[in-house]
Structure formats: structure tokens, C-alpha cells
Amino acid sequence: MADIENSVTPRPEETMKNYLWLDEYLQKQPATVKEFQPAWQAYKYLLGGKMYAYIGINEQNGRPIITLKLEPMYSDMLRKQYDNIVPGYYMNKVHWSTVYLDSEIPHEVLADMVRASHKLVFSLLSKKIQRDILGE
């Protein structure tokens, strides 16, 4: 994760703490694969070959972000509750939400969003891939 600090964003230490714990938390989700996407200058987090999250920079305003695939109703609720949760940056605005990592979104909310995104993408995988992930 140190290379995120050097290659993606020169951000204050407090913001980097958000990257570090989120990166660790994302990688702890079952069967998660982390990849660097050079074109986006962002890290993708995949489950069964499908992206469920990415961490990078909003090129329009330079702010660090995490973008997650979520159920539309859950996204709507979060966007109404938090100004710094917005429709997905460069993604389908209905199914993806972006969180600004330099904001005061509680860690518990971010962790819930990560789990919900992982669970949603898992549910969209074929039954065979789900069984492989579960070791069945």
C-alpha cells in the first residue's frame, strides 16, 4: 500500500490512514484479488474476476475515493445521509457509489459498504464460481 502513497496521491497522513485500513479490510474479504489498473491509476478489488471496489483519485477534483458496487436502495439511503457519498465516479450511477476518503464518513459505514459490495458481487457470480470460492 505504500506505493499508493507515492504513485497515486500525495495526501496528508490522515487521508492515507483511510487508504491503509480500507486496503487491508478489502483484502480480508474472502477470495478478493487486488490489481493495479494503470489507466485509472487506481487499485481494483475483484471477486471471481468481477470488480466490487476500487480506490483511486477523482480526476475532476483531485480527491481520494473508494467506489463500491451496491444495491440501488442502499446507495440512495447512504447518499441522502452523507454528503460525501455520491453516485459512482466513472461508473453506472445507479449501481455504484463513491465515497470521498478525505471526509468524515465513519469507518463502520465504510466497512458495511465493503461487506455489502462483496456480498452483492458474490451473489451475481455463477453457482460454480460461488462453490469454488466457498471450497465446496
Protein backbone atom coordinates (compact mmCIF):
# COMPACT_ATOMS: atom_id res chain seq x y z
CA MET A 1 0.00 0.00 0.00
CA ALA A 2 2.97 2.32 0.40
CA ASP A 3 3.16 2.63 -3.39
CA ILE A 4 -0.35 4.12 -3.39
CA GLU A 5 1.02 6.99 -1.36
CA ASN A 6 3.87 7.52 -3.80
CA SER A 7 2.20 6.90 -7.15
CA VAL A 8 -1.46 7.82 -6.79
CA THR A 9 -1.82 10.67 -4.36
CA PRO A 10 0.34 12.95 -2.26
CA ARG A 11 -2.21 13.19 0.55
CA PRO A 12 -1.96 14.09 4.21
CA GLU A 13 -1.26 11.27 6.64
CA GLU A 14 -4.85 11.24 7.96
CA THR A 15 -6.22 10.51 4.49
CA MET A 16 -3.60 7.81 3.97
CA LYS A 17 -4.88 6.07 7.11
CA ASN A 18 -8.22 5.68 5.31
CA TYR A 19 -6.44 4.06 2.36
CA LEU A 20 -4.43 1.72 4.56
CA TRP A 21 -7.20 0.29 6.71
CA LEU A 22 -9.57 0.04 3.73
CA ASP A 23 -6.97 -1.74 1.62
CA GLU A 24 -6.38 -4.23 4.43
CA TYR A 25 -10.11 -4.67 5.03
CA LEU A 26 -10.85 -5.18 1.33
CA GLN A 27 -8.11 -7.79 1.03
CA LYS A 28 -9.51 -9.67 4.04
CA GLN A 29 -12.81 -10.24 2.22
CA PRO A 30 -12.97 -13.89 1.03
CA ALA A 31 -11.36 -14.61 -2.35
CA THR A 32 -10.52 -10.96 -3.03
CA VAL A 33 -7.85 -10.26 -5.63
CA LYS A 34 -6.20 -6.83 -5.73
CA GLU A 35 -4.93 -5.44 -9.04
CA PHE A 36 -3.44 -2.10 -10.07
CA GLN A 37 -5.24 -0.52 -13.05
CA PRO A 38 -2.64 1.75 -14.71
CA ALA A 39 -5.15 3.56 -16.95
CA TRP A 40 -7.11 4.65 -13.86
CA GLN A 41 -4.12 4.97 -11.52
CA ALA A 42 -6.30 3.01 -9.11
CA TYR A 43 -6.46 -0.31 -7.30
CA LYS A 44 -9.27 -2.69 -8.23
CA TYR A 45 -10.62 -5.33 -5.85
CA LEU A 46 -12.08 -8.34 -7.62
CA LEU A 47 -14.15 -11.33 -6.62
CA GLY A 48 -14.42 -14.17 -9.11
CA GLY A 49 -12.98 -11.87 -11.75
CA LYS A 50 -15.65 -9.20 -11.13
CA MET A 51 -14.77 -5.81 -9.65
CA TYR A 52 -16.58 -4.87 -6.48
CA ALA A 53 -14.46 -1.88 -5.39
CA TYR A 54 -11.69 0.43 -6.42
CA ILE A 55 -9.57 3.02 -4.65
CA GLY A 56 -8.16 5.95 -6.59
CA ILE A 57 -8.49 9.66 -7.27
CA ASN A 58 -11.36 11.67 -8.69
CA GLU A 59 -9.54 13.40 -11.55
CA GLN A 60 -12.08 16.24 -11.66
CA ASN A 61 -11.40 17.46 -8.12
CA GLY A 62 -8.25 15.55 -7.08
CA ARG A 63 -9.91 13.97 -4.04
CA PRO A 64 -9.15 10.37 -2.99
CA ILE A 65 -12.08 7.98 -3.40
CA ILE A 66 -13.35 4.47 -2.97
CA THR A 67 -16.08 3.33 -5.34
CA LEU A 68 -18.24 0.32 -4.48
CA LYS A 69 -20.98 -1.66 -6.24
CA LEU A 70 -24.13 -1.54 -4.09
CA GLU A 71 -27.84 -2.24 -4.23
CA PRO A 72 -29.55 0.94 -5.53
CA MET A 73 -31.81 1.38 -2.47
CA TYR A 74 -28.84 1.09 -0.10
CA SER A 75 -26.88 3.61 -2.21
CA ASP A 76 -29.79 6.06 -2.18
CA MET A 77 -30.11 5.83 1.59
CA LEU A 78 -26.38 6.46 2.09
CA ARG A 79 -26.29 9.37 -0.37
CA LYS A 80 -29.17 11.05 1.47
CA GLN A 81 -27.44 10.56 4.81
CA TYR A 82 -23.88 11.61 3.83
CA ASP A 83 -22.88 14.47 1.53
CA ASN A 84 -19.55 12.75 0.73
CA ILE A 85 -21.19 9.60 -0.65
CA VAL A 86 -22.09 10.34 -4.26
CA PRO A 87 -23.04 8.45 -7.44
CA GLY A 88 -20.20 6.27 -8.72
CA TYR A 89 -17.32 8.14 -10.32
CA TYR A 90 -16.98 6.99 -13.95
CA MET A 91 -19.37 4.11 -13.20
CA ASN A 92 -23.07 3.32 -13.51
CA LYS A 93 -24.63 5.95 -11.21
CA VAL A 94 -27.40 3.60 -10.07
CA HIS A 95 -25.28 0.60 -9.07
CA TRP A 96 -22.05 2.23 -7.88
CA SER A 97 -21.38 4.77 -5.13
CA THR A 98 -18.24 6.79 -4.47
CA VAL A 99 -17.04 7.84 -1.03
CA TYR A 100 -14.53 10.66 -0.59
CA LEU A 101 -11.81 9.29 1.67
CA ASP A 102 -10.83 12.74 2.95
CA SER A 103 -14.27 13.11 4.55
CA GLU A 104 -15.63 12.17 7.95
CA ILE A 105 -17.57 9.07 6.91
CA PRO A 106 -17.42 6.67 9.89
CA HIS A 107 -15.23 3.60 9.45
CA GLU A 108 -18.19 1.41 10.40
CA VAL A 109 -20.21 2.79 7.47
CA LEU A 110 -17.33 2.17 5.06
CA ALA A 111 -16.86 -1.36 6.41
CA ASP A 112 -20.59 -2.06 5.97
CA MET A 113 -20.39 -0.77 2.40
CA VAL A 114 -17.40 -3.03 1.64
CA ARG A 115 -19.21 -6.10 3.02
CA ALA A 116 -22.40 -5.22 1.12
CA SER A 117 -20.48 -4.77 -2.13
CA HIS A 118 -18.61 -8.06 -1.69
CA LYS A 119 -21.86 -9.88 -0.87
CA LEU A 120 -23.67 -8.36 -3.87
CA VAL A 121 -20.96 -9.31 -6.36
CA PHE A 122 -20.72 -12.81 -4.83
CA SER A 123 -24.48 -13.24 -5.36
CA LEU A 124 -24.07 -12.31 -9.04
CA LEU A 125 -21.41 -14.97 -9.70
CA SER A 126 -22.31 -18.32 -11.20
CA LYS A 127 -23.15 -21.10 -8.75
CA LYS A 128 -20.00 -22.95 -9.82
CA ILE A 129 -17.75 -19.98 -9.01
CA GLN A 130 -19.58 -19.46 -5.72
CA ARG A 131 -18.96 -23.14 -4.79
CA ASP A 132 -15.28 -22.82 -5.77
CA ILE A 133 -14.90 -19.73 -3.56
CA LEU A 134 -16.64 -21.48 -0.67
CA GLY A 135 -14.47 -24.58 -1.18
CA GLU A 136 -17.43 -26.87 -1.81
